[in-house]
Amino acid sequence: MNVQWIRDPSIQFTVIGVLLFAVNSFFQQGAEGDGEEIIVTQNRIQHLSNIFERGWQRPPEPQELQGLIDDYVREEVLYREAVKMGLDQNDTVIRRRMRMKMEFLAKDLVEAVVPSEQVLEDYYAANLAHYTAPAQYTFEQVFLDSDKRAEVAEDARIVLTKLTAGKDPRLLSDSNLLQYRFEQVTSERIDRLFGADFSRQFEGLEIGQWNGPLTSAHGEHLVRISAATPQHQPDFGEIRDNVLRDWQLEEQKSILEAQYQTLRDNYRIRIAAPAVSHEGAAP
C-alpha cells in the first residue's frame, strides 16, 4: 500500500481544515441539543483535578475535588445565563478571547503535523538569508568630533601616532555618548549605533592595530579590532529546531488564513463608507 501521500503536508493541512470545520459543527450541534442539561463528564473531573495538582503539587482531597466540581457547575450556569442575556455581545475582551481560542485550535492541529526532513531542508534553502549569521566584532573606538576640530584629518594622524605609541585611548577621545569598547557586536547593531554601512569599513582592517579615521554619522573614529567573526551560513543540522519552529509558524499562518477565508465566505459583509470630515473645508 502506498502511504507516501500521508506524509505530504498539503494533504495533511487539507485534513486539518476538514477537522477544524467538523469540530466547529460538532460544538454547534451539541449546543443546540443540550437544552438546560449540564453534564460534568469524568474527563472534565479529571481535567479539574489535573489543574489543581499542577498548582498545589498534590491531588485534591475528596472535599476539595467536590468544591472544584461545584465551582465548575456554578461557572457553567452563570455563563449560560449570561449568554441568554446577551452579555457576551459587544464585549471586546470576550470577542478577543474567542478569536484566540479559534486560532489556538488551528495551531494545535497544525503542530501535530510532522514535516519530513526534506520539507525542512527545502524551507531552509529557500530562506537562507534569514539564517545567515551576521559578522561580529569586538573593538575599541576613539571619537574625533569633526564639528569641534578644524583639521580633523591632521588631528586623526596625530592621535593615531599617539595610540600606536601606547597612549591611553580614553584620554585621547572627544566627549561622546558611545561607549569605548564593544564586545562581540553584530554588524547590524554597529550600523544602528554608528550609522548605515559603518561596519563595512571594518572589512580588511588589520586585527589588533589602530586604524582610521572611519567616518560615521557622528564624526570620525579611530578603531582597533581585537576579534572578528565573519558572516557565515550555519549548517542545517545546527539550526534544525529553529527551522522547524519557523516552518510551523508560517504554516500556521497559512492554515489560519485559509480557515478565516472559508468561514468569511459564509457571511454577507457590508461595510459603511467612512464619514467624510468637513473640517477645514472651503466655504
C-alpha atoms as a PDB file:
ATOM      1  CA  MET A   1       0.000   0.000   0.000  1.00  0.00           C
ATOM      2  CA  ASN A   2       1.372   3.426  -0.945  1.00  0.00           C
ATOM      3  CA  VAL A   3       1.265   5.718   2.105  1.00  0.00           C
ATOM      4  CA  GLN A   4       3.561   8.401   0.727  1.00  0.00           C
ATOM      5  CA  TRP A   5       0.595  10.781   0.363  1.00  0.00           C
ATOM      6  CA  ILE A   6       0.062  10.690   4.138  1.00  0.00           C
ATOM      7  CA  ARG A   7       3.418  12.438   4.590  1.00  0.00           C
ATOM      8  CA  ASP A   8       2.556  15.220   2.173  1.00  0.00           C
ATOM      9  CA  PRO A   9       1.986  18.428   4.224  1.00  0.00           C
ATOM     10  CA  SER A  10      -0.540  19.739   1.687  1.00  0.00           C
ATOM     11  CA  ILE A  11      -2.679  16.624   2.235  1.00  0.00           C
ATOM     12  CA  GLN A  12      -2.213  16.900   5.991  1.00  0.00           C
ATOM     13  CA  PHE A  13      -3.357  20.509   6.024  1.00  0.00           C
ATOM     14  CA  THR A  14      -6.394  19.646   3.917  1.00  0.00           C
ATOM     15  CA  VAL A  15      -7.302  17.063   6.563  1.00  0.00           C
ATOM     16  CA  ILE A  16      -6.704  19.679   9.261  1.00  0.00           C
ATOM     17  CA  GLY A  17      -9.103  22.054   7.536  1.00  0.00           C
ATOM     18  CA  VAL A  18     -11.783  19.356   7.430  1.00  0.00           C
ATOM     19  CA  LEU A  19     -11.202  18.601  11.124  1.00  0.00           C
ATOM     20  CA  LEU A  20     -11.484  22.276  12.062  1.00  0.00           C
ATOM     21  CA  PHE A  21     -14.866  22.637  10.451  1.00  0.00           C
ATOM     22  CA  ALA A  22     -16.035  19.248  11.761  1.00  0.00           C
ATOM     23  CA  VAL A  23     -15.129  20.270  15.311  1.00  0.00           C
ATOM     24  CA  ASN A  24     -16.886  23.596  14.830  1.00  0.00           C
ATOM     25  CA  SER A  25     -20.037  21.856  13.554  1.00  0.00           C
ATOM     26  CA  PHE A  26     -19.910  19.342  16.416  1.00  0.00           C
ATOM     27  CA  PHE A  27     -19.910  22.046  19.063  1.00  0.00           C
ATOM     28  CA  GLN A  28     -22.667  23.952  17.302  1.00  0.00           C
ATOM     29  CA  GLN A  29     -24.863  20.851  17.136  1.00  0.00           C
ATOM     30  CA  GLY A  30     -24.084  19.995  20.757  1.00  0.00           C
ATOM     31  CA  ALA A  31     -25.043  23.478  21.886  1.00  0.00           C
ATOM     32  CA  GLU A  32     -28.419  23.251  20.142  1.00  0.00           C
ATOM     33  CA  GLY A  33     -29.264  19.868  21.688  1.00  0.00           C
ATOM     34  CA  ASP A  34     -28.065  20.456  25.241  1.00  0.00           C
ATOM     35  CA  GLY A  35     -31.094  22.407  26.426  1.00  0.00           C
ATOM     36  CA  GLU A  36     -30.854  23.096  30.160  1.00  0.00           C
ATOM     37  CA  GLU A  37     -28.816  19.996  30.931  1.00  0.00           C
ATOM     38  CA  ILE A  38     -25.294  20.366  32.320  1.00  0.00           C
ATOM     39  CA  ILE A  39     -23.207  17.190  32.166  1.00  0.00           C
ATOM     40  CA  VAL A  40     -19.951  17.009  34.120  1.00  0.00           C
ATOM     41  CA  THR A  41     -18.077  14.155  32.464  1.00  0.00           C
ATOM     42  CA  GLN A  42     -15.330  12.055  34.003  1.00  0.00           C
ATOM     43  CA  ASN A  43     -12.883  13.686  31.598  1.00  0.00           C
ATOM     44  CA  ARG A  44     -13.916  17.115  32.883  1.00  0.00           C
ATOM     45  CA  ILE A  45     -13.462  15.993  36.504  1.00  0.00           C
ATOM     46  CA  GLN A  46     -10.022  14.612  35.684  1.00  0.00           C
ATOM     47  CA  HIS A  47      -9.153  17.884  33.968  1.00  0.00           C
ATOM     48  CA  LEU A  48     -10.144  19.869  37.075  1.00  0.00           C
ATOM     49  CA  SER A  49      -8.108  17.512  39.244  1.00  0.00           C
ATOM     50  CA  ASN A  50      -5.056  17.852  36.996  1.00  0.00           C
ATOM     51  CA  ILE A  51      -5.205  21.649  37.158  1.00  0.00           C
ATOM     52  CA  PHE A  52      -5.378  21.511  40.963  1.00  0.00           C
ATOM     53  CA  GLU A  53      -2.444  19.084  41.131  1.00  0.00           C
ATOM     54  CA  ARG A  54      -0.252  21.274  38.910  1.00  0.00           C
ATOM     55  CA  GLY A  55      -0.888  24.232  41.168  1.00  0.00           C
ATOM     56  CA  TRP A  56      -0.604  22.525  44.564  1.00  0.00           C
ATOM     57  CA  GLN A  57       1.783  19.669  43.693  1.00  0.00           C
ATOM     58  CA  ARG A  58      -0.672  17.098  45.102  1.00  0.00           C
ATOM     59  CA  PRO A  59      -4.018  15.570  44.150  1.00  0.00           C
ATOM     60  CA  PRO A  60      -7.123  17.242  45.600  1.00  0.00           C
ATOM     61  CA  GLU A  61      -8.805  15.768  48.671  1.00  0.00           C
ATOM     62  CA  PRO A  62     -12.361  14.472  48.077  1.00  0.00           C
ATOM     63  CA  GLN A  63     -13.938  17.599  49.540  1.00  0.00           C
ATOM     64  CA  GLU A  64     -11.596  19.789  47.508  1.00  0.00           C
ATOM     65  CA  LEU A  65     -12.478  17.939  44.316  1.00  0.00           C
ATOM     66  CA  GLN A  66     -16.184  18.330  45.104  1.00  0.00           C
ATOM     67  CA  GLY A  67     -15.557  22.041  45.568  1.00  0.00           C
ATOM     68  CA  LEU A  68     -13.910  22.204  42.144  1.00  0.00           C
ATOM     69  CA  ILE A  69     -16.883  20.429  40.574  1.00  0.00           C
ATOM     70  CA  ASP A  70     -19.368  22.718  42.325  1.00  0.00           C
ATOM     71  CA  ASP A  71     -17.433  25.761  41.159  1.00  0.00           C
ATOM     72  CA  TYR A  72     -17.384  24.475  37.590  1.00  0.00           C
ATOM     73  CA  VAL A  73     -21.164  23.939  37.644  1.00  0.00           C
ATOM     74  CA  ARG A  74     -21.678  27.429  39.099  1.00  0.00           C
ATOM     75  CA  GLU A  75     -19.485  28.886  36.334  1.00  0.00           C
ATOM     76  CA  GLU A  76     -21.367  26.965  33.638  1.00  0.00           C
ATOM     77  CA  VAL A  77     -24.776  28.041  34.955  1.00  0.00           C
ATOM     78  CA  LEU A  78     -23.814  31.700  35.171  1.00  0.00           C
ATOM     79  CA  TYR A  79     -22.092  31.554  31.772  1.00  0.00           C
ATOM     80  CA  ARG A  80     -25.174  30.126  30.053  1.00  0.00           C
ATOM     81  CA  GLU A  81     -27.438  32.668  31.708  1.00  0.00           C
ATOM     82  CA  ALA A  82     -25.084  35.496  30.722  1.00  0.00           C
ATOM     83  CA  VAL A  83     -25.194  34.301  27.096  1.00  0.00           C
ATOM     84  CA  LYS A  84     -29.008  34.190  27.227  1.00  0.00           C
ATOM     85  CA  MET A  85     -28.990  37.803  28.450  1.00  0.00           C
ATOM     86  CA  GLY A  86     -26.647  38.759  25.613  1.00  0.00           C
ATOM     87  CA  LEU A  87     -23.891  39.874  27.990  1.00  0.00           C
ATOM     88  CA  ASP A  88     -21.305  38.381  25.649  1.00  0.00           C
ATOM     89  CA  GLN A  89     -22.339  40.753  22.870  1.00  0.00           C
ATOM     90  CA  ASN A  90     -20.193  43.786  22.032  1.00  0.00           C
ATOM     91  CA  ASP A  91     -17.628  42.861  24.680  1.00  0.00           C
ATOM     92  CA  THR A  92     -14.149  43.433  23.273  1.00  0.00           C
ATOM     93  CA  VAL A  93     -12.416  41.188  25.815  1.00  0.00           C
ATOM     94  CA  ILE A  94     -14.761  38.249  25.159  1.00  0.00           C
ATOM     95  CA  ARG A  95     -14.538  38.722  21.390  1.00  0.00           C
ATOM     96  CA  ARG A  96     -10.744  38.640  21.503  1.00  0.00           C
ATOM     97  CA  ARG A  97     -10.640  35.578  23.752  1.00  0.00           C
ATOM     98  CA  MET A  98     -12.998  33.685  21.446  1.00  0.00           C
ATOM     99  CA  ARG A  99     -10.884  34.651  18.457  1.00  0.00           C
ATOM    100  CA  MET A 100      -7.768  33.431  20.284  1.00  0.00           C
ATOM    101  CA  LYS A 101      -9.436  30.105  21.096  1.00  0.00           C
ATOM    102  CA  MET A 102     -10.356  29.591  17.440  1.00  0.00           C
ATOM    103  CA  GLU A 103      -6.773  30.326  16.423  1.00  0.00           C
ATOM    104  CA  PHE A 104      -5.313  28.093  19.133  1.00  0.00           C
ATOM    105  CA  LEU A 105      -7.491  25.240  17.896  1.00  0.00           C
ATOM    106  CA  ALA A 106      -5.992  25.576  14.432  1.00  0.00           C
ATOM    107  CA  LYS A 107      -2.452  25.923  15.789  1.00  0.00           C
ATOM    108  CA  ASP A 108      -2.731  22.791  17.913  1.00  0.00           C
ATOM    109  CA  LEU A 109      -3.820  20.791  14.890  1.00  0.00           C
ATOM    110  CA  VAL A 110      -1.026  22.212  12.721  1.00  0.00           C
ATOM    111  CA  GLU A 111       1.607  21.356  15.343  1.00  0.00           C
ATOM    112  CA  ALA A 112       0.526  17.734  15.090  1.00  0.00           C
ATOM    113  CA  VAL A 113       1.861  17.647  11.526  1.00  0.00           C
ATOM    114  CA  VAL A 114       5.435  16.328  11.409  1.00  0.00           C
ATOM    115  CA  PRO A 115       7.192  17.566   8.266  1.00  0.00           C
ATOM    116  CA  SER A 116       9.783  15.396   6.567  1.00  0.00           C
ATOM    117  CA  GLU A 117      13.439  16.362   6.710  1.00  0.00           C
ATOM    118  CA  GLN A 118      13.296  17.167   3.009  1.00  0.00           C
ATOM    119  CA  VAL A 119      10.491  19.660   3.574  1.00  0.00           C
ATOM    120  CA  LEU A 120      12.521  21.400   6.286  1.00  0.00           C
ATOM    121  CA  GLU A 121      15.703  21.394   4.217  1.00  0.00           C
ATOM    122  CA  ASP A 122      13.838  22.915   1.277  1.00  0.00           C
ATOM    123  CA  TYR A 123      12.396  25.589   3.571  1.00  0.00           C
ATOM    124  CA  TYR A 124      15.883  26.289   4.919  1.00  0.00           C
ATOM    125  CA  ALA A 125      17.312  26.593   1.395  1.00  0.00           C
ATOM    126  CA  ALA A 126      14.524  28.973   0.355  1.00  0.00           C
ATOM    127  CA  ASN A 127      15.203  31.240   3.351  1.00  0.00           C
ATOM    128  CA  LEU A 128      18.994  31.230   3.535  1.00  0.00           C
ATOM    129  CA  ALA A 129      19.181  34.991   4.036  1.00  0.00           C
ATOM    130  CA  HIS A 130      17.084  34.679   7.195  1.00  0.00           C
ATOM    131  CA  TYR A 131      19.502  32.142   8.679  1.00  0.00           C
ATOM    132  CA  THR A 132      22.740  33.889   7.720  1.00  0.00           C
ATOM    133  CA  ALA A 133      24.679  34.732  10.876  1.00  0.00           C
ATOM    134  CA  PRO A 134      25.957  38.331  10.646  1.00  0.00           C
ATOM    135  CA  ALA A 135      29.575  39.311  11.195  1.00  0.00           C
ATOM    136  CA  GLN A 136      30.571  40.069  14.796  1.00  0.00           C
ATOM    137  CA  TYR A 137      33.303  42.328  16.106  1.00  0.00           C
ATOM    138  CA  THR A 138      34.999  43.150  19.369  1.00  0.00           C
ATOM    139  CA  PHE A 139      36.602  46.571  19.089  1.00  0.00           C
ATOM    140  CA  GLU A 140      37.540  49.859  20.749  1.00  0.00           C
ATOM    141  CA  GLN A 141      36.930  53.298  19.307  1.00  0.00           C
ATOM    142  CA  VAL A 142      38.329  56.792  19.824  1.00  0.00           C
ATOM    143  CA  PHE A 143      35.968  59.548  18.737  1.00  0.00           C
ATOM    144  CA  LEU A 144      37.118  62.716  16.960  1.00  0.00           C
ATOM    145  CA  ASP A 145      34.434  65.399  16.831  1.00  0.00           C
ATOM    146  CA  SER A 146      34.637  66.949  13.361  1.00  0.00           C
ATOM    147  CA  ASP A 147      32.387  69.819  14.487  1.00  0.00           C
ATOM    148  CA  LYS A 148      34.983  70.913  17.046  1.00  0.00           C
ATOM    149  CA  ARG A 149      38.186  70.152  15.115  1.00  0.00           C
ATOM    150  CA  ALA A 150      39.199  72.411  12.245  1.00  0.00           C
ATOM    151  CA  GLU A 151      41.703  69.884  10.872  1.00  0.00           C
ATOM    152  CA  VAL A 152      40.192  66.568  11.811  1.00  0.00           C
ATOM    153  CA  ALA A 153      42.240  64.609   9.250  1.00  0.00           C
ATOM    154  CA  GLU A 154      45.514  66.021  10.595  1.00  0.00           C
ATOM    155  CA  ASP A 155      44.361  65.534  14.177  1.00  0.00           C
ATOM    156  CA  ALA A 156      43.492  61.913  13.360  1.00  0.00           C
ATOM    157  CA  ARG A 157      47.043  61.263  12.184  1.00  0.00           C
ATOM    158  CA  ILE A 158      48.462  62.802  15.367  1.00  0.00           C
ATOM    159  CA  VAL A 159      46.112  60.814  17.624  1.00  0.00           C
ATOM    160  CA  LEU A 160      46.824  57.638  15.663  1.00  0.00           C
ATOM    161  CA  THR A 161      50.548  58.127  16.268  1.00  0.00           C
ATOM    162  CA  LYS A 162      49.936  58.565  19.995  1.00  0.00           C
ATOM    163  CA  LEU A 163      47.762  55.461  20.115  1.00  0.00           C
ATOM    164  CA  THR A 164      50.419  53.424  18.333  1.00  0.00           C
ATOM    165  CA  ALA A 165      52.920  54.696  20.914  1.00  0.00           C
ATOM    166  CA  GLY A 166      50.721  53.298  23.690  1.00  0.00           C
ATOM    167  CA  LYS A 167      48.859  56.361  24.962  1.00  0.00           C
ATOM    168  CA  ASP A 168      45.609  55.754  26.868  1.00  0.00           C
ATOM    169  CA  PRO A 169      42.816  55.828  24.233  1.00  0.00           C
ATOM    170  CA  ARG A 170      40.254  57.156  26.699  1.00  0.00           C
ATOM    171  CA  LEU A 171      42.291  60.303  27.252  1.00  0.00           C
ATOM    172  CA  LEU A 172      42.531  60.982  23.517  1.00  0.00           C
ATOM    173  CA  SER A 173      38.831  60.627  22.676  1.00  0.00           C
ATOM    174  CA  ASP A 174      36.490  63.591  22.366  1.00  0.00           C
ATOM    175  CA  SER A 175      33.354  63.540  24.518  1.00  0.00           C
ATOM    176  CA  ASN A 176      30.590  61.349  23.057  1.00  0.00           C
ATOM    177  CA  LEU A 177      27.704  59.125  24.113  1.00  0.00           C
ATOM    178  CA  LEU A 178      29.164  55.991  22.537  1.00  0.00           C
ATOM    179  CA  GLN A 179      30.924  53.509  24.767  1.00  0.00           C
ATOM    180  CA  TYR A 180      34.645  52.972  24.379  1.00  0.00           C
ATOM    181  CA  ARG A 181      34.664  49.175  23.963  1.00  0.00           C
ATOM    182  CA  PHE A 182      32.193  46.846  22.241  1.00  0.00           C
ATOM    183  CA  GLU A 183      32.163  43.083  22.837  1.00  0.00           C
ATOM    184  CA  GLN A 184      31.003  40.686  20.080  1.00  0.00           C
ATOM    185  CA  VAL A 185      28.640  43.161  18.469  1.00  0.00           C
ATOM    186  CA  THR A 186      26.913  42.237  15.213  1.00  0.00           C
ATOM    187  CA  SER A 187      27.396  44.344  12.116  1.00  0.00           C
ATOM    188  CA  GLU A 188      23.692  45.241  12.210  1.00  0.00           C
ATOM    189  CA  ARG A 189      23.964  46.669  15.716  1.00  0.00           C
ATOM    190  CA  ILE A 190      27.150  48.552  14.823  1.00  0.00           C
ATOM    191  CA  ASP A 191      25.330  50.184  11.927  1.00  0.00           C
ATOM    192  CA  ARG A 192      22.423  51.116  14.186  1.00  0.00           C
ATOM    193  CA  LEU A 193      24.782  52.808  16.630  1.00  0.00           C
ATOM    194  CA  PHE A 194      27.236  54.442  14.228  1.00  0.00           C
ATOM    195  CA  GLY A 195      25.149  54.900  11.089  1.00  0.00           C
ATOM    196  CA  ALA A 196      24.372  52.960   7.928  1.00  0.00           C
ATOM    197  CA  ASP A 197      27.214  50.834   6.489  1.00  0.00           C
ATOM    198  CA  PHE A 198      29.739  51.904   9.138  1.00  0.00           C
ATOM    199  CA  SER A 199      30.625  48.246   9.759  1.00  0.00           C
ATOM    200  CA  ARG A 200      31.609  47.809   6.091  1.00  0.00           C
ATOM    201  CA  GLN A 201      34.658  49.938   6.806  1.00  0.00           C
ATOM    202  CA  PHE A 202      35.846  47.182   9.174  1.00  0.00           C
ATOM    203  CA  GLU A 203      36.386  44.787   6.276  1.00  0.00           C
ATOM    204  CA  GLY A 204      40.071  44.297   5.583  1.00  0.00           C
ATOM    205  CA  LEU A 205      41.284  46.153   8.687  1.00  0.00           C
ATOM    206  CA  GLU A 206      44.234  44.593  10.475  1.00  0.00           C
ATOM    207  CA  ILE A 207      43.308  42.893  13.751  1.00  0.00           C
ATOM    208  CA  GLY A 208      44.986  44.304  16.860  1.00  0.00           C
ATOM    209  CA  GLN A 209      46.077  47.569  15.221  1.00  0.00           C
ATOM    210  CA  TRP A 210      44.609  51.060  15.390  1.00  0.00           C
ATOM    211  CA  ASN A 211      43.060  52.070  12.082  1.00  0.00           C
ATOM    212  CA  GLY A 212      41.243  55.078  10.716  1.00  0.00           C
ATOM    213  CA  PRO A 213      39.832  57.520  10.608  1.00  0.00           C
ATOM    214  CA  LEU A 214      36.495  55.858   9.806  1.00  0.00           C
ATOM    215  CA  THR A 215      33.554  58.144   9.135  1.00  0.00           C
ATOM    216  CA  SER A 216      30.261  57.626  10.983  1.00  0.00           C
ATOM    217  CA  ALA A 217      27.076  59.612  11.406  1.00  0.00           C
ATOM    218  CA  HIS A 218      28.668  61.185  14.491  1.00  0.00           C
ATOM    219  CA  GLY A 219      32.073  62.128  13.141  1.00  0.00           C
ATOM    220  CA  GLU A 220      35.444  60.405  12.772  1.00  0.00           C
ATOM    221  CA  HIS A 221      36.671  57.349  14.656  1.00  0.00           C
ATOM    222  CA  LEU A 222      39.931  55.527  15.175  1.00  0.00           C
ATOM    223  CA  VAL A 223      39.197  51.838  15.658  1.00  0.00           C
ATOM    224  CA  ARG A 224      41.126  48.848  16.972  1.00  0.00           C
ATOM    225  CA  ILE A 225      39.514  45.461  16.274  1.00  0.00           C
ATOM    226  CA  SER A 226      40.600  42.732  18.679  1.00  0.00           C
ATOM    227  CA  ALA A 227      38.356  39.917  17.376  1.00  0.00           C
ATOM    228  CA  ALA A 228      36.273  39.399  14.250  1.00  0.00           C
ATOM    229  CA  THR A 229      33.896  36.614  13.196  1.00  0.00           C
ATOM    230  CA  PRO A 230      32.905  36.904   9.539  1.00  0.00           C
ATOM    231  CA  GLN A 231      29.363  36.488   8.281  1.00  0.00           C
ATOM    232  CA  HIS A 232      28.648  32.793   7.853  1.00  0.00           C
ATOM    233  CA  GLN A 233      25.924  30.319   6.973  1.00  0.00           C
ATOM    234  CA  PRO A 234      25.250  27.727   9.704  1.00  0.00           C
ATOM    235  CA  ASP A 235      24.628  24.147   8.619  1.00  0.00           C
ATOM    236  CA  PHE A 236      21.031  22.955   8.551  1.00  0.00           C
ATOM    237  CA  GLY A 237      21.716  20.478  11.368  1.00  0.00           C
ATOM    238  CA  GLU A 238      22.897  23.261  13.694  1.00  0.00           C
ATOM    239  CA  ILE A 239      19.644  25.195  13.490  1.00  0.00           C
ATOM    240  CA  ARG A 240      17.123  22.489  12.586  1.00  0.00           C
ATOM    241  CA  ASP A 241      14.952  23.297  15.610  1.00  0.00           C
ATOM    242  CA  ASN A 242      14.802  26.953  14.574  1.00  0.00           C
ATOM    243  CA  VAL A 243      13.878  25.974  11.028  1.00  0.00           C
ATOM    244  CA  LEU A 244      11.121  23.665  12.305  1.00  0.00           C
ATOM    245  CA  ARG A 245       9.728  26.440  14.515  1.00  0.00           C
ATOM    246  CA  ASP A 246       9.740  28.949  11.642  1.00  0.00           C
ATOM    247  CA  TRP A 247       8.165  26.442   9.258  1.00  0.00           C
ATOM    248  CA  GLN A 248       5.405  25.709  11.763  1.00  0.00           C
ATOM    249  CA  LEU A 249       4.717  29.411  12.299  1.00  0.00           C
ATOM    250  CA  GLU A 250       4.442  30.011   8.558  1.00  0.00           C
ATOM    251  CA  GLU A 251       2.178  27.018   8.041  1.00  0.00           C
ATOM    252  CA  GLN A 252       0.036  28.086  10.985  1.00  0.00           C
ATOM    253  CA  LYS A 253      -0.443  31.498   9.383  1.00  0.00           C
ATOM    254  CA  SER A 254      -1.402  29.820   6.102  1.00  0.00           C
ATOM    255  CA  ILE A 255      -3.958  27.464   7.635  1.00  0.00           C
ATOM    256  CA  LEU A 256      -5.423  30.248   9.814  1.00  0.00           C
ATOM    257  CA  GLU A 257      -5.831  32.461   6.772  1.00  0.00           C
ATOM    258  CA  ALA A 258      -7.430  29.631   4.775  1.00  0.00           C
ATOM    259  CA  GLN A 259      -9.734  28.889   7.713  1.00  0.00           C
ATOM    260  CA  TYR A 260     -10.698  32.551   8.004  1.00  0.00           C
ATOM    261  CA  GLN A 261     -11.378  32.966   4.287  1.00  0.00           C
ATOM    262  CA  THR A 262     -13.549  29.846   4.224  1.00  0.00           C
ATOM    263  CA  LEU A 263     -15.553  30.974   7.250  1.00  0.00           C
ATOM    264  CA  ARG A 264     -15.784  34.527   5.915  1.00  0.00           C
ATOM    265  CA  ASP A 265     -17.432  33.250   2.737  1.00  0.00           C
ATOM    266  CA  ASN A 266     -20.393  32.155   4.885  1.00  0.00           C
ATOM    267  CA  TYR A 267     -21.230  35.788   5.663  1.00  0.00           C
ATOM    268  CA  ARG A 268     -22.582  38.691   3.676  1.00  0.00           C
ATOM    269  CA  ILE A 269     -20.422  41.596   4.756  1.00  0.00           C
ATOM    270  CA  ARG A 270     -21.483  45.196   4.287  1.00  0.00           C
ATOM    271  CA  ILE A 271     -19.150  47.978   5.384  1.00  0.00           C
ATOM    272  CA  ALA A 272     -20.364  51.542   5.610  1.00  0.00           C
ATOM    273  CA  ALA A 273     -18.338  54.177   3.809  1.00  0.00           C
ATOM    274  CA  PRO A 274     -16.199  56.242   6.211  1.00  0.00           C
ATOM    275  CA  ALA A 275     -17.763  59.537   7.181  1.00  0.00           C
ATOM    276  CA  VAL A 276     -16.171  62.468   5.377  1.00  0.00           C
ATOM    277  CA  SER A 277     -14.938  65.191   7.664  1.00  0.00           C
ATOM    278  CA  HIS A 278     -15.877  68.704   6.586  1.00  0.00           C
ATOM    279  CA  GLU A 279     -13.498  70.420   8.975  1.00  0.00           C
ATOM    280  CA  GLY A 280     -11.384  72.951   7.178  1.00  0.00           C
ATOM    281  CA  ALA A 281     -13.445  72.708   4.009  1.00  0.00           C
ATOM    282  CA  ALA A 282     -13.691  75.822   1.941  1.00  0.00           C
ATOM    283  CA  PRO A 283     -16.999  77.696   2.346  1.00  0.00           C
END
